Amino acid sequence: MTGRHHRFSMLPTIDEIISNFELLDEWEERYRYLIELGRLMEPLPESAYNDANKVQGCASQVWLQTHLETVGGKPVLHLRGDSDAHIVRGLVALLISLYSGKTASEALSTDAQALFKELGLSEHLTPQRSNGVRSMVERIRRDAQMALASS
């Protein structure tokens, strides 16, 4: 199960997102697509909007919820998230497509920065948003490390 279908969302796979991004020439269209990705995420339950799930270091409010499942003796990450800002919610969706459904060790060896460079997002995000993405990735990696430590 390498992320073909995520139980928690209707998001396209990361490969589908990458090819869709390549089809869009204008940055205006790419931003719209990001916002659309954010809309495809399953809504977080009310109880998930708490301090434990809140990602520190983001200018807008971001919540990430990690659910662990053991598959073949390995911890697998299932992520859900939300943000109060449309584009940031799209970035959350992008990271969920990248990381959700991966084992904790796969998640630790996944390079989100490389993906953001490949999509051209690195140079099109404000420094504040880039820092926010970094904070989200650090949070996912920390959850993965904790999952590995306790497995």
C-alpha atoms as a PDB file:
ATOM      1  CA  MET A   1       0.000   0.000   0.000  1.00  0.00           C
ATOM      2  CA  THR A   2       2.174   2.858  -1.199  1.00  0.00           C
ATOM      3  CA  GLY A   3      -0.379   5.604  -1.228  1.00  0.00           C
ATOM      4  CA  ARG A   4      -2.561   4.601  -4.195  1.00  0.00           C
ATOM      5  CA  HIS A   5      -5.699   5.246  -2.172  1.00  0.00           C
ATOM      6  CA  HIS A   6      -5.826   7.065   1.109  1.00  0.00           C
ATOM      7  CA  ARG A   7      -8.617   5.943   3.337  1.00  0.00           C
ATOM      8  CA  PHE A   8      -9.146   9.467   4.647  1.00  0.00           C
ATOM      9  CA  SER A   9      -9.451  11.576   1.531  1.00  0.00           C
ATOM     10  CA  MET A  10     -10.459  11.955  -2.088  1.00  0.00           C
ATOM     11  CA  LEU A  11      -7.113  13.482  -2.944  1.00  0.00           C
ATOM     12  CA  PRO A  12      -5.333  12.466  -6.143  1.00  0.00           C
ATOM     13  CA  THR A  13      -2.068  10.557  -5.748  1.00  0.00           C
ATOM     14  CA  ILE A  14       1.138  12.571  -5.633  1.00  0.00           C
ATOM     15  CA  ASP A  15       1.983  11.383  -9.184  1.00  0.00           C
ATOM     16  CA  GLU A  16      -1.381  12.638 -10.468  1.00  0.00           C
ATOM     17  CA  ILE A  17      -0.811  15.968  -8.747  1.00  0.00           C
ATOM     18  CA  ILE A  18       2.653  16.298 -10.331  1.00  0.00           C
ATOM     19  CA  SER A  19       1.310  15.591 -13.842  1.00  0.00           C
ATOM     20  CA  ASN A  20      -1.623  17.963 -13.340  1.00  0.00           C
ATOM     21  CA  PHE A  21       0.808  20.652 -12.207  1.00  0.00           C
ATOM     22  CA  GLU A  22       2.892  20.129 -15.351  1.00  0.00           C
ATOM     23  CA  LEU A  23      -0.210  20.688 -17.502  1.00  0.00           C
ATOM     24  CA  LEU A  24      -0.827  24.112 -15.958  1.00  0.00           C
ATOM     25  CA  ASP A  25       1.382  26.815 -17.418  1.00  0.00           C
ATOM     26  CA  GLU A  26       0.158  29.854 -15.543  1.00  0.00           C
ATOM     27  CA  TRP A  27       0.870  30.318 -11.847  1.00  0.00           C
ATOM     28  CA  GLU A  28      -2.643  31.669 -11.436  1.00  0.00           C
ATOM     29  CA  GLU A  29      -3.959  28.251 -12.594  1.00  0.00           C
ATOM     30  CA  ARG A  30      -1.532  26.388 -10.342  1.00  0.00           C
ATOM     31  CA  TYR A  31      -2.690  28.377  -7.311  1.00  0.00           C
ATOM     32  CA  ARG A  32      -6.308  27.626  -8.241  1.00  0.00           C
ATOM     33  CA  TYR A  33      -5.428  23.938  -8.498  1.00  0.00           C
ATOM     34  CA  LEU A  34      -3.779  24.054  -5.054  1.00  0.00           C
ATOM     35  CA  ILE A  35      -6.911  25.647  -3.600  1.00  0.00           C
ATOM     36  CA  GLU A  36      -8.989  22.936  -5.283  1.00  0.00           C
ATOM     37  CA  LEU A  37      -6.789  20.236  -3.695  1.00  0.00           C
ATOM     38  CA  GLY A  38      -7.484  21.813  -0.323  1.00  0.00           C
ATOM     39  CA  ARG A  39     -11.211  21.496  -0.981  1.00  0.00           C
ATOM     40  CA  LEU A  40     -10.859  17.772  -1.752  1.00  0.00           C
ATOM     41  CA  MET A  41      -9.557  16.942   1.706  1.00  0.00           C
ATOM     42  CA  GLU A  42     -11.925  15.227   4.062  1.00  0.00           C
ATOM     43  CA  PRO A  43     -12.943  17.761   6.734  1.00  0.00           C
ATOM     44  CA  LEU A  44     -11.283  17.344  10.099  1.00  0.00           C
ATOM     45  CA  PRO A  45     -13.592  16.362  12.943  1.00  0.00           C
ATOM     46  CA  GLU A  46     -14.292  19.243  15.345  1.00  0.00           C
ATOM     47  CA  SER A  47     -12.295  17.473  18.084  1.00  0.00           C
ATOM     48  CA  ALA A  48      -9.134  17.571  15.916  1.00  0.00           C
ATOM     49  CA  TYR A  49      -8.883  21.367  16.145  1.00  0.00           C
ATOM     50  CA  ASN A  50      -6.795  21.244  19.289  1.00  0.00           C
ATOM     51  CA  ASP A  51      -3.365  22.329  20.501  1.00  0.00           C
ATOM     52  CA  ALA A  52      -1.873  18.865  20.040  1.00  0.00           C
ATOM     53  CA  ASN A  53      -2.675  18.937  16.300  1.00  0.00           C
ATOM     54  CA  LYS A  54      -1.852  22.610  15.773  1.00  0.00           C
ATOM     55  CA  VAL A  55       1.373  23.104  13.829  1.00  0.00           C
ATOM     56  CA  GLN A  56       3.601  25.745  15.382  1.00  0.00           C
ATOM     57  CA  GLY A  57       5.632  27.989  13.079  1.00  0.00           C
ATOM     58  CA  CYS A  58       2.931  28.620  10.485  1.00  0.00           C
ATOM     59  CA  ALA A  59       1.710  32.175   9.879  1.00  0.00           C
ATOM     60  CA  SER A  60      -1.819  30.905   9.231  1.00  0.00           C
ATOM     61  CA  GLN A  61      -3.466  28.321  11.444  1.00  0.00           C
ATOM     62  CA  VAL A  62      -2.658  24.740  10.473  1.00  0.00           C
ATOM     63  CA  TRP A  63      -3.791  21.497  12.050  1.00  0.00           C
ATOM     64  CA  LEU A  64      -2.334  18.082  11.222  1.00  0.00           C
ATOM     65  CA  GLN A  65      -3.719  14.871  12.632  1.00  0.00           C
ATOM     66  CA  THR A  66      -1.633  11.695  12.370  1.00  0.00           C
ATOM     67  CA  HIS A  67      -3.293   8.327  12.701  1.00  0.00           C
ATOM     68  CA  LEU A  68      -0.988   5.296  12.853  1.00  0.00           C
ATOM     69  CA  GLU A  69      -1.887   1.875  11.604  1.00  0.00           C
ATOM     70  CA  THR A  70       0.336  -1.187  11.797  1.00  0.00           C
ATOM     71  CA  VAL A  71       0.632  -2.966   8.463  1.00  0.00           C
ATOM     72  CA  GLY A  72       2.902  -5.995   8.239  1.00  0.00           C
ATOM     73  CA  GLY A  73       4.482  -5.037  11.549  1.00  0.00           C
ATOM     74  CA  LYS A  74       5.356  -1.538  10.322  1.00  0.00           C
ATOM     75  CA  PRO A  75       3.732   1.739  11.392  1.00  0.00           C
ATOM     76  CA  VAL A  76       1.941   3.435   8.485  1.00  0.00           C
ATOM     77  CA  LEU A  77       1.004   7.129   8.609  1.00  0.00           C
ATOM     78  CA  HIS A  78      -2.468   8.362   7.741  1.00  0.00           C
ATOM     79  CA  LEU A  79      -2.715  12.138   7.788  1.00  0.00           C
ATOM     80  CA  ARG A  80      -5.556  14.599   7.823  1.00  0.00           C
ATOM     81  CA  GLY A  81      -5.252  18.334   8.048  1.00  0.00           C
ATOM     82  CA  ASP A  82      -6.743  21.755   7.603  1.00  0.00           C
ATOM     83  CA  SER A  83      -5.842  25.426   7.519  1.00  0.00           C
ATOM     84  CA  ASP A  84      -7.741  28.682   7.757  1.00  0.00           C
ATOM     85  CA  ALA A  85      -6.012  29.934   4.571  1.00  0.00           C
ATOM     86  CA  HIS A  86      -6.998  28.546   1.134  1.00  0.00           C
ATOM     87  CA  ILE A  87      -3.545  28.218  -0.422  1.00  0.00           C
ATOM     88  CA  VAL A  88      -2.073  26.836   2.800  1.00  0.00           C
ATOM     89  CA  ARG A  89      -4.887  24.261   2.932  1.00  0.00           C
ATOM     90  CA  GLY A  90      -3.803  23.260  -0.593  1.00  0.00           C
ATOM     91  CA  LEU A  91      -0.207  22.899   0.603  1.00  0.00           C
ATOM     92  CA  VAL A  92      -1.454  20.718   3.473  1.00  0.00           C
ATOM     93  CA  ALA A  93      -3.298  18.576   0.875  1.00  0.00           C
ATOM     94  CA  LEU A  94      -0.107  18.304  -1.166  1.00  0.00           C
ATOM     95  CA  LEU A  95       1.873  17.089   1.856  1.00  0.00           C
ATOM     96  CA  ILE A  96      -0.893  14.640   2.780  1.00  0.00           C
ATOM     97  CA  SER A  97      -0.761  13.185  -0.755  1.00  0.00           C
ATOM     98  CA  LEU A  98       3.000  12.918  -0.432  1.00  0.00           C
ATOM     99  CA  TYR A  99       3.189  11.341   3.028  1.00  0.00           C
ATOM    100  CA  SER A 100      -0.104   9.627   3.856  1.00  0.00           C
ATOM    101  CA  GLY A 101      -0.105   5.864   3.394  1.00  0.00           C
ATOM    102  CA  LYS A 102       3.682   5.633   3.725  1.00  0.00           C
ATOM    103  CA  THR A 103       5.435   3.646   6.404  1.00  0.00           C
ATOM    104  CA  ALA A 104       7.190   5.753   9.030  1.00  0.00           C
ATOM    105  CA  SER A 105      10.598   4.894   7.554  1.00  0.00           C
ATOM    106  CA  GLU A 106       9.443   5.757   4.007  1.00  0.00           C
ATOM    107  CA  ALA A 107       8.103   9.057   5.348  1.00  0.00           C
ATOM    108  CA  LEU A 108      11.481   9.841   6.904  1.00  0.00           C
ATOM    109  CA  SER A 109      13.275   9.287   3.601  1.00  0.00           C
ATOM    110  CA  THR A 110      10.748  11.357   1.595  1.00  0.00           C
ATOM    111  CA  ASP A 111      12.078  14.737   0.486  1.00  0.00           C
ATOM    112  CA  ALA A 112       9.264  17.280   0.422  1.00  0.00           C
ATOM    113  CA  GLN A 113      11.669  20.099  -0.510  1.00  0.00           C
ATOM    114  CA  ALA A 114      12.630  18.213  -3.690  1.00  0.00           C
ATOM    115  CA  LEU A 115       8.951  17.916  -4.613  1.00  0.00           C
ATOM    116  CA  PHE A 116       8.369  21.623  -3.992  1.00  0.00           C
ATOM    117  CA  LYS A 117      11.376  22.435  -6.212  1.00  0.00           C
ATOM    118  CA  GLU A 118      10.144  20.077  -8.936  1.00  0.00           C
ATOM    119  CA  LEU A 119       6.720  21.743  -8.902  1.00  0.00           C
ATOM    120  CA  GLY A 120       8.302  25.206  -8.941  1.00  0.00           C
ATOM    121  CA  LEU A 121       6.607  25.988  -5.645  1.00  0.00           C
ATOM    122  CA  SER A 122       9.858  26.817  -3.863  1.00  0.00           C
ATOM    123  CA  GLU A 123      10.329  30.061  -5.775  1.00  0.00           C
ATOM    124  CA  HIS A 124       6.622  30.953  -5.846  1.00  0.00           C
ATOM    125  CA  LEU A 125       5.866  30.728  -2.139  1.00  0.00           C
ATOM    126  CA  THR A 126       6.370  33.644   0.211  1.00  0.00           C
ATOM    127  CA  PRO A 127       9.145  33.075   2.782  1.00  0.00           C
ATOM    128  CA  GLN A 128       6.402  32.874   5.428  1.00  0.00           C
ATOM    129  CA  ARG A 129       4.599  30.084   3.559  1.00  0.00           C
ATOM    130  CA  SER A 130       7.880  28.259   2.930  1.00  0.00           C
ATOM    131  CA  ASN A 131       8.594  28.341   6.662  1.00  0.00           C
ATOM    132  CA  GLY A 132       5.096  27.033   7.307  1.00  0.00           C
ATOM    133  CA  VAL A 133       5.662  24.132   4.906  1.00  0.00           C
ATOM    134  CA  ARG A 134       8.961  23.387   6.658  1.00  0.00           C
ATOM    135  CA  SER A 135       7.149  23.342  10.019  1.00  0.00           C
ATOM    136  CA  MET A 136       4.513  20.939   8.652  1.00  0.00           C
ATOM    137  CA  VAL A 137       7.179  18.615   7.228  1.00  0.00           C
ATOM    138  CA  GLU A 138       9.120  18.678  10.513  1.00  0.00           C
ATOM    139  CA  ARG A 139       5.920  17.796  12.341  1.00  0.00           C
ATOM    140  CA  ILE A 140       5.205  14.833  10.006  1.00  0.00           C
ATOM    141  CA  ARG A 141       8.809  13.626  10.354  1.00  0.00           C
ATOM    142  CA  ARG A 142       8.618  13.909  14.160  1.00  0.00           C
ATOM    143  CA  ASP A 143       5.410  11.833  14.179  1.00  0.00           C
ATOM    144  CA  ALA A 144       7.134   9.259  11.938  1.00  0.00           C
ATOM    145  CA  GLN A 145      10.179   9.122  14.227  1.00  0.00           C
ATOM    146  CA  MET A 146       7.956   8.657  17.286  1.00  0.00           C
ATOM    147  CA  ALA A 147       6.035   5.897  15.481  1.00  0.00           C
ATOM    148  CA  LEU A 148       9.288   4.110  14.662  1.00  0.00           C
ATOM    149  CA  ALA A 149      10.616   4.497  18.198  1.00  0.00           C
ATOM    150  CA  SER A 150       7.501   2.926  19.681  1.00  0.00           C
ATOM    151  CA  SER A 151       7.123   0.107  17.135  1.00  0.00           C
END
